[in-house]
Amino acid sequence: MGGLEAGPVEQSEHDYAPWEKRVDAIMRLLTGKQYEVITVDELRRGIEDLGPGVYDELSYYERWISSITNILIEKGVISVDELGRRMEDVCARREEAGI
Protein backbone atom coordinates (compact mmCIF):
# COMPACT_ATOMS: atom_id res chain seq x y z
CA MET A 1 0.00 0.00 0.00
CA GLY A 2 1.19 3.53 -0.59
CA GLY A 3 3.81 4.54 1.91
CA LEU A 4 4.37 1.06 3.32
CA GLU A 5 7.80 -0.53 3.15
CA ALA A 6 7.52 -3.47 0.77
CA GLY A 7 11.05 -3.98 -0.52
CA PRO A 8 12.37 -3.49 -4.04
CA VAL A 9 9.99 -3.16 -6.98
CA GLU A 10 10.38 -5.82 -9.64
CA GLN A 11 10.98 -4.08 -12.97
CA SER A 12 10.16 -7.07 -15.18
CA GLU A 13 8.61 -6.43 -18.55
CA HIS A 14 5.45 -8.25 -19.57
CA ASP A 15 2.89 -8.08 -22.31
CA TYR A 16 -0.12 -6.11 -21.19
CA ALA A 17 -3.51 -7.76 -21.57
CA PRO A 18 -6.01 -5.81 -23.70
CA TRP A 19 -8.10 -4.96 -20.62
CA GLU A 20 -5.01 -3.54 -18.86
CA LYS A 21 -4.35 -1.31 -21.86
CA ARG A 22 -7.98 -0.15 -21.74
CA VAL A 23 -7.75 0.70 -18.04
CA ASP A 24 -4.59 2.72 -18.72
CA ALA A 25 -6.33 4.53 -21.59
CA ILE A 26 -9.40 5.25 -19.44
CA MET A 27 -7.20 6.76 -16.73
CA ARG A 28 -5.32 8.90 -19.26
CA LEU A 29 -8.63 10.23 -20.60
CA LEU A 30 -10.07 10.91 -17.15
CA THR A 31 -6.94 12.70 -15.92
CA GLY A 32 -6.20 14.56 -19.15
CA LYS A 33 -6.47 18.33 -19.35
CA GLN A 34 -9.45 18.11 -21.70
CA TYR A 35 -11.71 16.38 -19.15
CA GLU A 36 -9.83 16.21 -15.81
CA VAL A 37 -12.56 14.18 -14.13
CA ILE A 38 -10.13 12.44 -11.77
CA THR A 39 -6.76 13.48 -10.38
CA VAL A 40 -3.88 11.11 -9.77
CA ASP A 41 -4.16 11.98 -6.07
CA GLU A 42 -7.80 10.81 -6.09
CA LEU A 43 -6.76 7.58 -7.81
CA ARG A 44 -4.18 6.94 -5.11
CA ARG A 45 -6.67 7.75 -2.33
CA GLY A 46 -9.16 5.38 -3.93
CA ILE A 47 -6.57 2.63 -4.10
CA GLU A 48 -5.57 3.16 -0.48
CA ASP A 49 -9.25 3.16 0.54
CA LEU A 50 -9.56 -0.40 -0.79
CA GLY A 51 -7.93 -1.56 2.44
CA PRO A 52 -5.10 -4.05 2.90
CA GLY A 53 -7.19 -7.20 2.31
CA VAL A 54 -8.63 -6.13 -1.03
CA TYR A 55 -5.44 -4.30 -2.02
CA ASP A 56 -3.37 -7.46 -1.61
CA GLU A 57 -5.83 -9.59 -3.61
CA LEU A 58 -6.02 -7.31 -6.66
CA SER A 59 -3.50 -6.82 -9.44
CA TYR A 60 -2.11 -3.38 -10.31
CA TYR A 61 -4.73 -2.56 -12.94
CA GLU A 62 -7.54 -4.19 -10.94
CA ARG A 63 -6.71 -1.68 -8.19
CA TRP A 64 -6.82 1.13 -10.74
CA ILE A 65 -10.21 0.18 -12.21
CA SER A 66 -11.69 -0.39 -8.74
CA SER A 67 -10.52 3.04 -7.64
CA ILE A 68 -11.69 4.71 -10.86
CA THR A 69 -15.12 3.07 -10.56
CA ASN A 70 -15.56 4.11 -6.94
CA ILE A 71 -14.50 7.70 -7.67
CA LEU A 72 -16.85 8.02 -10.65
CA ILE A 73 -19.72 6.75 -8.48
CA GLU A 74 -18.75 9.14 -5.64
CA LYS A 75 -18.76 12.07 -8.07
CA GLY A 76 -22.08 11.08 -9.60
CA VAL A 77 -20.59 10.58 -13.06
CA ILE A 78 -22.15 7.12 -13.16
CA SER A 79 -24.54 5.35 -10.79
CA VAL A 80 -24.26 1.81 -9.51
CA ASP A 81 -27.47 0.95 -11.41
CA GLU A 82 -26.18 2.42 -14.67
CA LEU A 83 -22.89 0.58 -14.29
CA GLY A 84 -24.80 -2.66 -13.68
CA ARG A 85 -26.91 -2.15 -16.80
CA ARG A 86 -23.86 -1.43 -18.91
CA MET A 87 -22.10 -4.51 -17.58
CA GLU A 88 -25.16 -6.60 -18.49
CA ASP A 89 -25.01 -5.14 -22.03
CA VAL A 90 -21.32 -6.03 -22.32
CA CYS A 91 -21.96 -9.57 -21.09
CA ALA A 92 -24.83 -10.00 -23.56
CA ARG A 93 -22.69 -8.79 -26.48
CA ARG A 94 -19.87 -11.13 -25.46
CA GLU A 95 -22.31 -14.04 -25.23
CA GLU A 96 -23.74 -13.23 -28.68
CA ALA A 97 -20.21 -13.14 -30.07
CA GLY A 98 -19.38 -16.46 -28.42
CA ILE A 99 -16.61 -14.99 -26.30
PDB file of N, CA and C in Angstrom:
ATOM      1  N   MET A   1       0.846  -1.154   0.000  1.00  0.00           N
ATOM      2  CA  MET A   1       0.000   0.000   0.000  1.00  0.00           C
ATOM      3  C   MET A   1       0.897   1.223   0.000  1.00  0.00           C
ATOM      4  N   GLY A   2       0.402   2.317  -0.510  1.00  0.00           N
ATOM      5  CA  GLY A   2       1.188   3.529  -0.594  1.00  0.00           C
ATOM      6  C   GLY A   2       1.818   3.886   0.734  1.00  0.00           C
ATOM      7  N   GLY A   3       3.120   4.117   0.711  1.00  0.00           N
ATOM      8  CA  GLY A   3       3.810   4.536   1.905  1.00  0.00           C
ATOM      9  C   GLY A   3       4.299   3.401   2.791  1.00  0.00           C
ATOM     10  N   LEU A   4       3.914   2.181   2.520  1.00  0.00           N
ATOM     11  CA  LEU A   4       4.371   1.059   3.324  1.00  0.00           C
ATOM     12  C   LEU A   4       5.632   0.470   2.727  1.00  0.00           C
ATOM     13  N   GLU A   5       6.549   0.077   3.586  1.00  0.00           N
ATOM     14  CA  GLU A   5       7.803  -0.525   3.149  1.00  0.00           C
ATOM     15  C   GLU A   5       7.517  -1.924   2.626  1.00  0.00           C
ATOM     16  N   ALA A   6       7.819  -2.167   1.360  1.00  0.00           N
ATOM     17  CA  ALA A   6       7.523  -3.473   0.771  1.00  0.00           C
ATOM     18  C   ALA A   6       8.706  -4.057   0.020  1.00  0.00           C
ATOM     19  N   GLY A   7       9.873  -3.463   0.156  1.00  0.00           N
ATOM     20  CA  GLY A   7      11.046  -3.980  -0.523  1.00  0.00           C
ATOM     21  C   GLY A   7      11.161  -3.455  -1.933  1.00  0.00           C
ATOM     22  N   PRO A   8      12.135  -3.985  -2.687  1.00  0.00           N
ATOM     23  CA  PRO A   8      12.369  -3.488  -4.044  1.00  0.00           C
ATOM     24  C   PRO A   8      11.217  -3.819  -4.992  1.00  0.00           C
ATOM     25  N   VAL A   9      11.029  -2.957  -5.970  1.00  0.00           N
ATOM     26  CA  VAL A   9       9.994  -3.157  -6.983  1.00  0.00           C
ATOM     27  C   VAL A   9      10.590  -3.948  -8.131  1.00  0.00           C
ATOM     28  N   GLU A  10       9.912  -5.019  -8.520  1.00  0.00           N
ATOM     29  CA  GLU A  10      10.379  -5.823  -9.643  1.00  0.00           C
ATOM     30  C   GLU A  10      10.085  -5.069 -10.932  1.00  0.00           C
ATOM     31  N   GLN A  11      11.100  -4.859 -11.744  1.00  0.00           N
ATOM     32  CA  GLN A  11      10.976  -4.075 -12.973  1.00  0.00           C
ATOM     33  C   GLN A  11      10.814  -4.965 -14.204  1.00  0.00           C
ATOM     34  N   SER A  12      10.279  -6.158 -14.048  1.00  0.00           N
ATOM     35  CA  SER A  12      10.163  -7.075 -15.176  1.00  0.00           C
ATOM     36  C   SER A  12       9.177  -6.545 -16.212  1.00  0.00           C
ATOM     37  N   GLU A  13       9.483  -6.814 -17.442  1.00  0.00           N
ATOM     38  CA  GLU A  13       8.611  -6.434 -18.552  1.00  0.00           C
ATOM     39  C   GLU A  13       7.623  -7.570 -18.800  1.00  0.00           C
ATOM     40  N   HIS A  14       6.426  -7.225 -19.183  1.00  0.00           N
ATOM     41  CA  HIS A  14       5.454  -8.246 -19.566  1.00  0.00           C
ATOM     42  C   HIS A  14       4.519  -7.649 -20.610  1.00  0.00           C
ATOM     43  N   ASP A  15       3.876  -8.529 -21.342  1.00  0.00           N
ATOM     44  CA  ASP A  15       2.892  -8.075 -22.315  1.00  0.00           C
ATOM     45  C   ASP A  15       1.619  -7.721 -21.560  1.00  0.00           C
ATOM     46  N   TYR A  16       1.103  -6.548 -21.851  1.00  0.00           N
ATOM     47  CA  TYR A  16      -0.121  -6.114 -21.192  1.00  0.00           C
ATOM     48  C   TYR A  16      -1.327  -6.750 -21.865  1.00  0.00           C
ATOM     49  N   ALA A  17      -2.253  -7.212 -21.056  1.00  0.00           N
ATOM     50  CA  ALA A  17      -3.507  -7.762 -21.572  1.00  0.00           C
ATOM     51  C   ALA A  17      -4.329  -6.611 -22.141  1.00  0.00           C
ATOM     52  N   PRO A  18      -5.188  -6.889 -23.128  1.00  0.00           N
ATOM     53  CA  PRO A  18      -6.010  -5.815 -23.704  1.00  0.00           C
ATOM     54  C   PRO A  18      -6.785  -5.026 -22.654  1.00  0.00           C
ATOM     55  N   TRP A  19      -7.327  -5.687 -21.633  1.00  0.00           N
ATOM     56  CA  TRP A  19      -8.100  -4.960 -20.617  1.00  0.00           C
ATOM     57  C   TRP A  19      -7.204  -4.027 -19.809  1.00  0.00           C
ATOM     58  N   GLU A  20      -5.935  -4.413 -19.589  1.00  0.00           N
ATOM     59  CA  GLU A  20      -5.007  -3.541 -18.862  1.00  0.00           C
ATOM     60  C   GLU A  20      -4.712  -2.284 -19.678  1.00  0.00           C
ATOM     61  N   LYS A  21      -4.565  -2.460 -20.980  1.00  0.00           N
ATOM     62  CA  LYS A  21      -4.347  -1.305 -21.860  1.00  0.00           C
ATOM     63  C   LYS A  21      -5.560  -0.379 -21.843  1.00  0.00           C
ATOM     64  N   ARG A  22      -6.751  -0.963 -21.790  1.00  0.00           N
ATOM     65  CA  ARG A  22      -7.978  -0.150 -21.740  1.00  0.00           C
ATOM     66  C   ARG A  22      -8.067   0.643 -20.435  1.00  0.00           C
ATOM     67  N   VAL A  23      -7.718   0.002 -19.331  1.00  0.00           N
ATOM     68  CA  VAL A  23      -7.745   0.701 -18.040  1.00  0.00           C
ATOM     69  C   VAL A  23      -6.767   1.870 -18.066  1.00  0.00           C
ATOM     70  N   ASP A  24      -5.580   1.648 -18.610  1.00  0.00           N
ATOM     71  CA  ASP A  24      -4.590   2.723 -18.719  1.00  0.00           C
ATOM     72  C   ASP A  24      -5.132   3.856 -19.589  1.00  0.00           C
ATOM     73  N   ALA A  25      -5.763   3.509 -20.702  1.00  0.00           N
ATOM     74  CA  ALA A  25      -6.334   4.530 -21.594  1.00  0.00           C
ATOM     75  C   ALA A  25      -7.463   5.298 -20.905  1.00  0.00           C
ATOM     76  N   ILE A  26      -8.309   4.595 -20.171  1.00  0.00           N
ATOM     77  CA  ILE A  26      -9.400   5.250 -19.435  1.00  0.00           C
ATOM     78  C   ILE A  26      -8.827   6.259 -18.453  1.00  0.00           C
ATOM     79  N   MET A  27      -7.791   5.856 -17.720  1.00  0.00           N
ATOM     80  CA  MET A  27      -7.196   6.756 -16.732  1.00  0.00           C
ATOM     81  C   MET A  27      -6.582   7.971 -17.407  1.00  0.00           C
ATOM     82  N   ARG A  28      -5.914   7.759 -18.536  1.00  0.00           N
ATOM     83  CA  ARG A  28      -5.319   8.897 -19.264  1.00  0.00           C
ATOM     84  C   ARG A  28      -6.398   9.879 -19.714  1.00  0.00           C
ATOM     85  N   LEU A  29      -7.523   9.354 -20.185  1.00  0.00           N
ATOM     86  CA  LEU A  29      -8.627  10.233 -20.598  1.00  0.00           C
ATOM     87  C   LEU A  29      -9.222  10.990 -19.413  1.00  0.00           C
ATOM     88  N   LEU A  30      -9.434  10.289 -18.316  1.00  0.00           N
ATOM     89  CA  LEU A  30     -10.075  10.909 -17.154  1.00  0.00           C
ATOM     90  C   LEU A  30      -9.184  11.923 -16.444  1.00  0.00           C
ATOM     91  N   THR A  31      -7.864  11.771 -16.571  1.00  0.00           N
ATOM     92  CA  THR A  31      -6.942  12.705 -15.916  1.00  0.00           C
ATOM     93  C   THR A  31      -6.398  13.749 -16.873  1.00  0.00           C
ATOM     94  N   GLY A  32      -6.712  13.618 -18.156  1.00  0.00           N
ATOM     95  CA  GLY A  32      -6.199  14.556 -19.153  1.00  0.00           C
ATOM     96  C   GLY A  32      -6.765  15.951 -18.977  1.00  0.00           C
ATOM     97  N   LYS A  33      -6.063  16.930 -19.497  1.00  0.00           N
ATOM     98  CA  LYS A  33      -6.469  18.335 -19.349  1.00  0.00           C
ATOM     99  C   LYS A  33      -7.822  18.625 -19.991  1.00  0.00           C
ATOM    100  N   GLN A  34      -8.184  17.857 -21.017  1.00  0.00           N
ATOM    101  CA  GLN A  34      -9.450  18.106 -21.703  1.00  0.00           C
ATOM    102  C   GLN A  34     -10.655  17.820 -20.798  1.00  0.00           C
ATOM    103  N   TYR A  35     -10.573  16.765 -19.988  1.00  0.00           N
ATOM    104  CA  TYR A  35     -11.710  16.384 -19.147  1.00  0.00           C
ATOM    105  C   TYR A  35     -11.421  16.572 -17.659  1.00  0.00           C
ATOM    106  N   GLU A  36     -10.277  16.129 -17.214  1.00  0.00           N
ATOM    107  CA  GLU A  36      -9.829  16.209 -15.815  1.00  0.00           C
ATOM    108  C   GLU A  36     -10.947  15.867 -14.822  1.00  0.00           C
ATOM    109  N   VAL A  37     -11.494  14.668 -15.001  1.00  0.00           N
ATOM    110  CA  VAL A  37     -12.562  14.179 -14.132  1.00  0.00           C
ATOM    111  C   VAL A  37     -11.980  13.642 -12.825  1.00  0.00           C
ATOM    112  N   ILE A  38     -10.799  13.048 -12.917  1.00  0.00           N
ATOM    113  CA  ILE A  38     -10.126  12.436 -11.772  1.00  0.00           C
ATOM    114  C   ILE A  38      -8.690  12.947 -11.728  1.00  0.00           C
ATOM    115  N   THR A  39      -8.180  13.142 -10.525  1.00  0.00           N
ATOM    116  CA  THR A  39      -6.761  13.475 -10.378  1.00  0.00           C
ATOM    117  C   THR A  39      -6.004  12.214  -9.963  1.00  0.00           C
ATOM    118  N   VAL A  40      -4.709  12.233 -10.177  1.00  0.00           N
ATOM    119  CA  VAL A  40      -3.876  11.107  -9.770  1.00  0.00           C
ATOM    120  C   VAL A  40      -3.942  10.937  -8.251  1.00  0.00           C
ATOM    121  N   ASP A  41      -4.039  12.054  -7.535  1.00  0.00           N
ATOM    122  CA  ASP A  41      -4.165  11.980  -6.072  1.00  0.00           C
ATOM    123  C   ASP A  41      -5.448  11.262  -5.666  1.00  0.00           C
ATOM    124  N   GLU A  42      -6.539  11.509  -6.392  1.00  0.00           N
ATOM    125  CA  GLU A  42      -7.797  10.813  -6.095  1.00  0.00           C
ATOM    126  C   GLU A  42      -7.662   9.322  -6.385  1.00  0.00           C
ATOM    127  N   LEU A  43      -6.976   8.989  -7.486  1.00  0.00           N
ATOM    128  CA  LEU A  43      -6.758   7.579  -7.815  1.00  0.00           C
ATOM    129  C   LEU A  43      -6.025   6.894  -6.671  1.00  0.00           C
ATOM    130  N   ARG A  44      -4.961   7.529  -6.201  1.00  0.00           N
ATOM    131  CA  ARG A  44      -4.181   6.935  -5.112  1.00  0.00           C
ATOM    132  C   ARG A  44      -5.037   6.795  -3.850  1.00  0.00           C
ATOM    133  N   ARG A  45      -5.793   7.826  -3.499  1.00  0.00           N
ATOM    134  CA  ARG A  45      -6.671   7.746  -2.328  1.00  0.00           C
ATOM    135  C   ARG A  45      -7.650   6.589  -2.476  1.00  0.00           C
ATOM    136  N   GLY A  46      -8.218   6.464  -3.680  1.00  0.00           N
ATOM    137  CA  GLY A  46      -9.164   5.380  -3.927  1.00  0.00           C
ATOM    138  C   GLY A  46      -8.530   4.011  -3.788  1.00  0.00           C
ATOM    139  N   ILE A  47      -7.287   3.898  -4.234  1.00  0.00           N
ATOM    140  CA  ILE A  47      -6.567   2.625  -4.102  1.00  0.00           C
ATOM    141  C   ILE A  47      -6.294   2.337  -2.630  1.00  0.00           C
ATOM    142  N   GLU A  48      -5.847   3.348  -1.901  1.00  0.00           N
ATOM    143  CA  GLU A  48      -5.566   3.155  -0.476  1.00  0.00           C
ATOM    144  C   GLU A  48      -6.841   2.854   0.309  1.00  0.00           C
ATOM    145  N   ASP A  49      -7.970   3.408  -0.132  1.00  0.00           N
ATOM    146  CA  ASP A  49      -9.250   3.159   0.535  1.00  0.00           C
ATOM    147  C   ASP A  49      -9.746   1.725   0.349  1.00  0.00           C
ATOM    148  N   LEU A  50      -9.157   0.994  -0.591  1.00  0.00           N
ATOM    149  CA  LEU A  50      -9.559  -0.398  -0.791  1.00  0.00           C
ATOM    150  C   LEU A  50      -9.282  -1.231   0.455  1.00  0.00           C
ATOM    151  N   GLY A  51      -8.299  -0.825   1.229  1.00  0.00           N
ATOM    152  CA  GLY A  51      -7.928  -1.560   2.438  1.00  0.00           C
ATOM    153  C   GLY A  51      -6.943  -2.667   2.126  1.00  0.00           C
ATOM    154  N   PRO A  52      -6.169  -3.075   3.127  1.00  0.00           N
ATOM    155  CA  PRO A  52      -5.102  -4.053   2.904  1.00  0.00           C
ATOM    156  C   PRO A  52      -5.576  -5.387   2.346  1.00  0.00           C
ATOM    157  N   GLY A  53      -6.715  -5.902   2.802  1.00  0.00           N
ATOM    158  CA  GLY A  53      -7.185  -7.200   2.314  1.00  0.00           C
ATOM    159  C   GLY A  53      -7.472  -7.191   0.832  1.00  0.00           C
ATOM    160  N   VAL A  54      -8.272  -6.238   0.387  1.00  0.00           N
ATOM    161  CA  VAL A  54      -8.627  -6.131  -1.033  1.00  0.00           C
ATOM    162  C   VAL A  54      -7.395  -5.736  -1.843  1.00  0.00           C
ATOM    163  N   TYR A  55      -6.637  -4.776  -1.327  1.00  0.00           N
ATOM    164  CA  TYR A  55      -5.438  -4.295  -2.017  1.00  0.00           C
ATOM    165  C   TYR A  55      -4.515  -5.461  -2.367  1.00  0.00           C
ATOM    166  N   ASP A  56      -4.290  -6.345  -1.404  1.00  0.00           N
ATOM    167  CA  ASP A  56      -3.369  -7.461  -1.614  1.00  0.00           C
ATOM    168  C   ASP A  56      -3.910  -8.499  -2.591  1.00  0.00           C
ATOM    169  N   GLU A  57      -5.225  -8.592  -2.722  1.00  0.00           N
ATOM    170  CA  GLU A  57      -5.831  -9.592  -3.609  1.00  0.00           C
ATOM    171  C   GLU A  57      -5.880  -9.145  -5.065  1.00  0.00           C
ATOM    172  N   LEU A  58      -5.856  -7.833  -5.307  1.00  0.00           N
ATOM    173  CA  LEU A  58      -6.019  -7.309  -6.660  1.00  0.00           C
ATOM    174  C   LEU A  58      -4.682  -7.056  -7.338  1.00  0.00           C
ATOM    175  N   SER A  59      -4.683  -7.177  -8.655  1.00  0.00           N
ATOM    176  CA  SER A  59      -3.497  -6.822  -9.436  1.00  0.00           C
ATOM    177  C   SER A  59      -3.432  -5.298  -9.579  1.00  0.00           C
ATOM    178  N   TYR A  60      -2.347  -4.820 -10.132  1.00  0.00           N
ATOM    179  CA  TYR A  60      -2.110  -3.383 -10.309  1.00  0.00           C
ATOM    180  C   TYR A  60      -3.282  -2.697 -11.008  1.00  0.00           C
ATOM    181  N   TYR A  61      -3.651  -3.205 -12.181  1.00  0.00           N
ATOM    182  CA  TYR A  61      -4.726  -2.564 -12.936  1.00  0.00           C
ATOM    183  C   TYR A  61      -6.106  -2.866 -12.364  1.00  0.00           C
ATOM    184  N   GLU A  62      -6.272  -3.951 -11.652  1.00  0.00           N
ATOM    185  CA  GLU A  62      -7.536  -4.190 -10.943  1.00  0.00           C
ATOM    186  C   GLU A  62      -7.727  -3.139  -9.851  1.00  0.00           C
ATOM    187  N   ARG A  63      -6.635  -2.753  -9.190  1.00  0.00           N
ATOM    188  CA  ARG A  63      -6.713  -1.675  -8.191  1.00  0.00           C
ATOM    189  C   ARG A  63      -7.118  -0.374  -8.860  1.00  0.00           C
ATOM    190  N   TRP A  64      -6.504  -0.094 -10.008  1.00  0.00           N
ATOM    191  CA  TRP A  64      -6.823   1.134 -10.741  1.00  0.00           C
ATOM    192  C   TRP A  64      -8.302   1.182 -11.094  1.00  0.00           C
ATOM    193  N   ILE A  65      -8.826   0.127 -11.729  1.00  0.00           N
ATOM    194  CA  ILE A  65     -10.206   0.179 -12.208  1.00  0.00           C
ATOM    195  C   ILE A  65     -11.186   0.190 -11.034  1.00  0.00           C
ATOM    196  N   SER A  66     -10.840  -0.458  -9.936  1.00  0.00           N
ATOM    197  CA  SER A  66     -11.692  -0.393  -8.742  1.00  0.00           C
ATOM    198  C   SER A  66     -11.742   1.024  -8.201  1.00  0.00           C
ATOM    199  N   SER A  67     -10.587   1.663  -8.124  1.00  0.00           N
ATOM    200  CA  SER A  67     -10.518   3.043  -7.638  1.00  0.00           C
ATOM    201  C   SER A  67     -11.259   3.985  -8.577  1.00  0.00           C
ATOM    202  N   ILE A  68     -11.026   3.854  -9.873  1.00  0.00           N
ATOM    203  CA  ILE A  68     -11.693   4.708 -10.863  1.00  0.00           C
ATOM    204  C   ILE A  68     -13.211   4.564 -10.741  1.00  0.00           C
ATOM    205  N   THR A  69     -13.682   3.331 -10.668  1.00  0.00           N
ATOM    206  CA  THR A  69     -15.122   3.074 -10.565  1.00  0.00           C
ATOM    207  C   THR A  69     -15.712   3.737  -9.328  1.00  0.00           C
ATOM    208  N   ASN A  70     -15.060   3.531  -8.185  1.00  0.00           N
ATOM    209  CA  ASN A  70     -15.562   4.111  -6.935  1.00  0.00           C
ATOM    210  C   ASN A  70     -15.583   5.634  -6.993  1.00  0.00           C
ATOM    211  N   ILE A  71     -14.564   6.239  -7.576  1.00  0.00           N
ATOM    212  CA  ILE A  71     -14.503   7.704  -7.668  1.00  0.00           C
ATOM    213  C   ILE A  71     -15.598   8.229  -8.588  1.00  0.00           C
ATOM    214  N   LEU A  72     -15.810   7.577  -9.726  1.00  0.00           N
ATOM    215  CA  LEU A  72     -16.855   8.024 -10.650  1.00  0.00           C
ATOM    216  C   LEU A  72     -18.238   7.914 -10.012  1.00  0.00           C
ATOM    217  N   ILE A  73     -18.443   6.886  -9.200  1.00  0.00           N
ATOM    218  CA  ILE A  73     -19.716   6.750  -8.481  1.00  0.00           C
ATOM    219  C   ILE A  73     -19.832   7.846  -7.422  1.00  0.00           C
ATOM    220  N   GLU A  74     -18.750   8.079  -6.663  1.00  0.00           N
ATOM    221  CA  GLU A  74     -18.752   9.140  -5.639  1.00  0.00           C
ATOM    222  C   GLU A  74     -19.100  10.497  -6.238  1.00  0.00           C
ATOM    223  N   LYS A  75     -18.566  10.774  -7.429  1.00  0.00           N
ATOM    224  CA  LYS A  75     -18.759  12.074  -8.073  1.00  0.00           C
ATOM    225  C   LYS A  75     -20.077  12.166  -8.835  1.00  0.00           C
ATOM    226  N   GLY A  76     -20.809  11.073  -8.906  1.00  0.00           N
ATOM    227  CA  GLY A  76     -22.084  11.083  -9.602  1.00  0.00           C
ATOM    228  C   GLY A  76     -21.964  11.039 -11.116  1.00  0.00           C
ATOM    229  N   VAL A  77     -20.785  10.685 -11.611  1.00  0.00           N
ATOM    230  CA  VAL A  77     -20.586  10.578 -13.062  1.00  0.00           C
ATOM    231  C   VAL A  77     -21.353   9.377 -13.599  1.00  0.00           C
ATOM    232  N   ILE A  78     -21.406   8.326 -12.804  1.00  0.00           N
ATOM    233  CA  ILE A  78     -22.149   7.119 -13.159  1.00  0.00           C
ATOM    234  C   ILE A  78     -22.751   6.564 -11.864  1.00  0.00           C
ATOM    235  N   SER A  79     -23.912   5.948 -11.982  1.00  0.00           N
ATOM    236  CA  SER A  79     -24.539   5.347 -10.795  1.00  0.00           C
ATOM    237  C   SER A  79     -24.248   3.850 -10.777  1.00  0.00           C
ATOM    238  N   VAL A  80     -24.440   3.253  -9.634  1.00  0.00           N
ATOM    239  CA  VAL A  80     -24.259   1.809  -9.513  1.00  0.00           C
ATOM    240  C   VAL A  80     -25.227   1.090 -10.449  1.00  0.00           C
ATOM    241  N   ASP A  81     -26.473   1.572 -10.527  1.00  0.00           N
ATOM    242  CA  ASP A  81     -27.468   0.947 -11.411  1.00  0.00           C
ATOM    243  C   ASP A  81     -27.057   1.047 -12.874  1.00  0.00           C
ATOM    244  N   GLU A  82     -26.605   2.234 -13.283  1.00  0.00           N
ATOM    245  CA  GLU A  82     -26.184   2.423 -14.671  1.00  0.00           C
ATOM    246  C   GLU A  82     -24.993   1.531 -14.993  1.00  0.00           C
ATOM    247  N   LEU A  83     -24.050   1.445 -14.081  1.00  0.00           N
ATOM    248  CA  LEU A  83     -22.892   0.581 -14.285  1.00  0.00           C
ATOM    249  C   LEU A  83     -23.337  -0.867 -14.434  1.00  0.00           C
ATOM    250  N   GLY A  84     -24.275  -1.296 -13.589  1.00  0.00           N
ATOM    251  CA  GLY A  84     -24.796  -2.658 -13.676  1.00  0.00           C
ATOM    252  C   GLY A  84     -25.455  -2.938 -15.016  1.00  0.00           C
ATOM    253  N   ARG A  85     -26.258  -1.982 -15.493  1.00  0.00           N
ATOM    254  CA  ARG A  85     -26.914  -2.151 -16.803  1.00  0.00           C
ATOM    255  C   ARG A  85     -25.883  -2.237 -17.922  1.00  0.00           C
ATOM    256  N   ARG A  86     -24.883  -1.400 -17.864  1.00  0.00           N
ATOM    257  CA  ARG A  86     -23.856  -1.426 -18.914  1.00  0.00           C
ATOM    258  C   ARG A  86     -23.060  -2.726 -18.883  1.00  0.00           C
ATOM    259  N   MET A  87     -22.796  -3.237 -17.690  1.00  0.00           N
ATOM    260  CA  MET A  87     -22.095  -4.514 -17.582  1.00  0.00           C
ATOM    261  C   MET A  87     -22.950  -5.646 -18.152  1.00  0.00           C
ATOM    262  N   GLU A  88     -24.253  -5.597 -17.911  1.00  0.00           N
ATOM    263  CA  GLU A  88     -25.157  -6.598 -18.489  1.00  0.00           C
ATOM    264  C   GLU A  88     -25.127  -6.528 -20.012  1.00  0.00           C
ATOM    265  N   ASP A  89     -25.095  -5.315 -20.571  1.00  0.00           N
ATOM    266  CA  ASP A  89     -25.008  -5.143 -22.025  1.00  0.00           C
ATOM    267  C   ASP A  89     -23.720  -5.744 -22.571  1.00  0.00           C
ATOM    268  N   VAL A  90     -22.624  -5.492 -21.888  1.00  0.00           N
ATOM    269  CA  VAL A  90     -21.323  -6.030 -22.322  1.00  0.00           C
ATOM    270  C   VAL A  90     -21.358  -7.552 -22.282  1.00  0.00           C
ATOM    271  N   CYS A  91     -21.876  -8.112 -21.205  1.00  0.00           N
ATOM    272  CA  CYS A  91     -21.960  -9.571 -21.085  1.00  0.00           C
ATOM    273  C   CYS A  91     -22.830 -10.164 -22.188  1.00  0.00           C
ATOM    274  N   ALA A  92     -23.938  -9.509 -22.504  1.00  0.00           N
ATOM    275  CA  ALA A  92     -24.831  -9.997 -23.564  1.00  0.00           C
ATOM    276  C   ALA A  92     -24.133  -9.960 -24.919  1.00  0.00           C
ATOM    277  N   ARG A  93     -23.411  -8.886 -25.203  1.00  0.00           N
ATOM    278  CA  ARG A  93     -22.685  -8.790 -26.481  1.00  0.00           C
ATOM    279  C   ARG A  93     -21.595  -9.853 -26.569  1.00  0.00           C
ATOM    280  N   ARG A  94     -20.908 -10.094 -25.467  1.00  0.00           N
ATOM    281  CA  ARG A  94     -19.867 -11.132 -25.464  1.00  0.00           C
ATOM    282  C   ARG A  94     -20.487 -12.510 -25.696  1.00  0.00           C
ATOM    283  N   GLU A  95     -21.631 -12.749 -25.070  1.00  0.00           N
ATOM    284  CA  GLU A  95     -22.305 -14.035 -25.233  1.00  0.00           C
ATOM    285  C   GLU A  95     -22.759 -14.226 -26.680  1.00  0.00           C
ATOM    286  N   GLU A  96     -23.311 -13.168 -27.277  1.00  0.00           N
ATOM    287  CA  GLU A  96     -23.739 -13.230 -28.679  1.00  0.00           C
ATOM    288  C   GLU A  96     -22.561 -13.502 -29.601  1.00  0.00           C
ATOM    289  N   ALA A  97     -21.404 -12.958 -29.253  1.00  0.00           N
ATOM    290  CA  ALA A  97     -20.207 -13.139 -30.074  1.00  0.00           C
ATOM    291  C   ALA A  97     -19.514 -14.468 -29.784  1.00  0.00           C
ATOM    292  N   GLY A  98     -19.983 -15.181 -28.759  1.00  0.00           N
ATOM    293  CA  GLY A  98     -19.377 -16.459 -28.418  1.00  0.00           C
ATOM    294  C   GLY A  98     -18.046 -16.326 -27.703  1.00  0.00           C
ATOM    295  N   ILE A  99     -17.879 -15.229 -27.015  1.00  0.00           N
ATOM    296  CA  ILE A  99     -16.610 -14.989 -26.298  1.00  0.00           C
ATOM    297  C   ILE A  99     -16.741 -15.451 -24.869  1.00  0.00           C
TER     298      ILE A  99
END
